[in-house]
Amino acid sequence: MKDFTLPPVGGRADARPQAERGLIGYRLGELERRVGRLEAFVLGMLCTIALSVLGGLIAVIGLPPVG
């Protein structure tokens, strides 16, 4: 993950909290995207394992191939 730096703040006293809130919102959005990718990867792996097990069961039972 990249390191982000905040730009220097001008004369306003409330500008820094707004910039920090924006940075926190950005980082939360980035985390949500990464977690979504991780969930998709895990789901894909589970589907692959399930199909492998199903193929093994079909081979053990001796059913004719479909198609």
C-alpha atoms as a PDB file:
ATOM      1  CA  MET A   1       0.000   0.000   0.000  1.00  0.00           C
ATOM      2  CA  LYS A   2       1.292   3.438  -0.860  1.00  0.00           C
ATOM      3  CA  ASP A   3       2.146   6.006   1.742  1.00  0.00           C
ATOM      4  CA  PHE A   4       0.163   9.188   1.392  1.00  0.00           C
ATOM      5  CA  THR A   5       1.177  12.589   2.627  1.00  0.00           C
ATOM      6  CA  LEU A   6      -1.117  15.489   3.278  1.00  0.00           C
ATOM      7  CA  PRO A   7      -0.374  18.788   1.584  1.00  0.00           C
ATOM      8  CA  PRO A   8       0.656  21.647   3.864  1.00  0.00           C
ATOM      9  CA  VAL A   9      -2.339  23.362   5.379  1.00  0.00           C
ATOM     10  CA  GLY A  10      -2.982  27.084   4.927  1.00  0.00           C
ATOM     11  CA  GLY A  11      -4.192  29.539   7.545  1.00  0.00           C
ATOM     12  CA  ARG A  12      -7.497  27.788   8.334  1.00  0.00           C
ATOM     13  CA  ALA A  13      -7.594  25.878  11.604  1.00  0.00           C
ATOM     14  CA  ASP A  14     -10.305  23.453  10.446  1.00  0.00           C
ATOM     15  CA  ALA A  15      -8.612  22.535   7.148  1.00  0.00           C
ATOM     16  CA  ARG A  16      -6.459  19.757   8.579  1.00  0.00           C
ATOM     17  CA  PRO A  17      -9.344  17.686  10.024  1.00  0.00           C
ATOM     18  CA  GLN A  18     -11.135  17.875   6.647  1.00  0.00           C
ATOM     19  CA  ALA A  19      -8.018  16.685   4.853  1.00  0.00           C
ATOM     20  CA  GLU A  20      -7.593  13.868   7.355  1.00  0.00           C
ATOM     21  CA  ARG A  21     -11.222  12.842   6.922  1.00  0.00           C
ATOM     22  CA  GLY A  22     -10.727  12.758   3.167  1.00  0.00           C
ATOM     23  CA  LEU A  23      -7.609  10.637   3.543  1.00  0.00           C
ATOM     24  CA  ILE A  24      -9.374   8.238   5.897  1.00  0.00           C
ATOM     25  CA  GLY A  25     -12.286   7.940   3.450  1.00  0.00           C
ATOM     26  CA  TYR A  26      -9.870   7.244   0.609  1.00  0.00           C
ATOM     27  CA  ARG A  27      -8.049   4.561   2.574  1.00  0.00           C
ATOM     28  CA  LEU A  28     -11.335   2.928   3.604  1.00  0.00           C
ATOM     29  CA  GLY A  29     -12.408   2.818  -0.043  1.00  0.00           C
ATOM     30  CA  GLU A  30      -9.080   1.255  -1.021  1.00  0.00           C
ATOM     31  CA  LEU A  31      -9.457  -1.349   1.739  1.00  0.00           C
ATOM     32  CA  GLU A  32     -12.980  -2.203   0.575  1.00  0.00           C
ATOM     33  CA  ARG A  33     -11.722  -2.742  -2.979  1.00  0.00           C
ATOM     34  CA  ARG A  34      -8.893  -4.980  -1.772  1.00  0.00           C
ATOM     35  CA  VAL A  35     -11.205  -7.006   0.468  1.00  0.00           C
ATOM     36  CA  GLY A  36     -13.585  -7.433  -2.466  1.00  0.00           C
ATOM     37  CA  ARG A  37     -10.750  -8.815  -4.579  1.00  0.00           C
ATOM     38  CA  LEU A  38      -9.734 -11.148  -1.763  1.00  0.00           C
ATOM     39  CA  GLU A  39     -13.297 -12.417  -1.385  1.00  0.00           C
ATOM     40  CA  ALA A  40     -13.519 -13.069  -5.130  1.00  0.00           C
ATOM     41  CA  PHE A  41     -10.220 -14.979  -5.034  1.00  0.00           C
ATOM     42  CA  VAL A  42     -11.322 -17.127  -2.079  1.00  0.00           C
ATOM     43  CA  LEU A  43     -14.677 -17.829  -3.727  1.00  0.00           C
ATOM     44  CA  GLY A  44     -12.914 -18.863  -6.930  1.00  0.00           C
ATOM     45  CA  MET A  45     -10.630 -21.215  -5.016  1.00  0.00           C
ATOM     46  CA  LEU A  46     -13.582 -22.782  -3.196  1.00  0.00           C
ATOM     47  CA  CYS A  47     -15.432 -23.322  -6.486  1.00  0.00           C
ATOM     48  CA  THR A  48     -12.334 -24.933  -7.993  1.00  0.00           C
ATOM     49  CA  ILE A  49     -12.006 -27.290  -5.030  1.00  0.00           C
ATOM     50  CA  ALA A  50     -15.715 -28.153  -5.187  1.00  0.00           C
ATOM     51  CA  LEU A  51     -15.494 -28.972  -8.900  1.00  0.00           C
ATOM     52  CA  SER A  52     -12.429 -31.144  -8.293  1.00  0.00           C
ATOM     53  CA  VAL A  53     -14.214 -33.074  -5.549  1.00  0.00           C
ATOM     54  CA  LEU A  54     -17.290 -33.470  -7.743  1.00  0.00           C
ATOM     55  CA  GLY A  55     -15.140 -34.775 -10.596  1.00  0.00           C
ATOM     56  CA  GLY A  56     -13.487 -37.258  -8.236  1.00  0.00           C
ATOM     57  CA  LEU A  57     -16.864 -38.498  -6.998  1.00  0.00           C
ATOM     58  CA  ILE A  58     -18.089 -38.983 -10.553  1.00  0.00           C
ATOM     59  CA  ALA A  59     -14.937 -40.973 -11.353  1.00  0.00           C
ATOM     60  CA  VAL A  60     -15.321 -43.156  -8.241  1.00  0.00           C
ATOM     61  CA  ILE A  61     -19.015 -43.827  -8.794  1.00  0.00           C
ATOM     62  CA  GLY A  62     -18.392 -44.603 -12.455  1.00  0.00           C
ATOM     63  CA  LEU A  63     -21.022 -42.363 -14.006  1.00  0.00           C
ATOM     64  CA  PRO A  64     -20.685 -41.789 -17.742  1.00  0.00           C
ATOM     65  CA  PRO A  65     -19.333 -38.357 -18.717  1.00  0.00           C
ATOM     66  CA  VAL A  66     -21.922 -35.703 -19.470  1.00  0.00           C
ATOM     67  CA  GLY A  67     -21.920 -34.107 -22.890  1.00  0.00           C
END
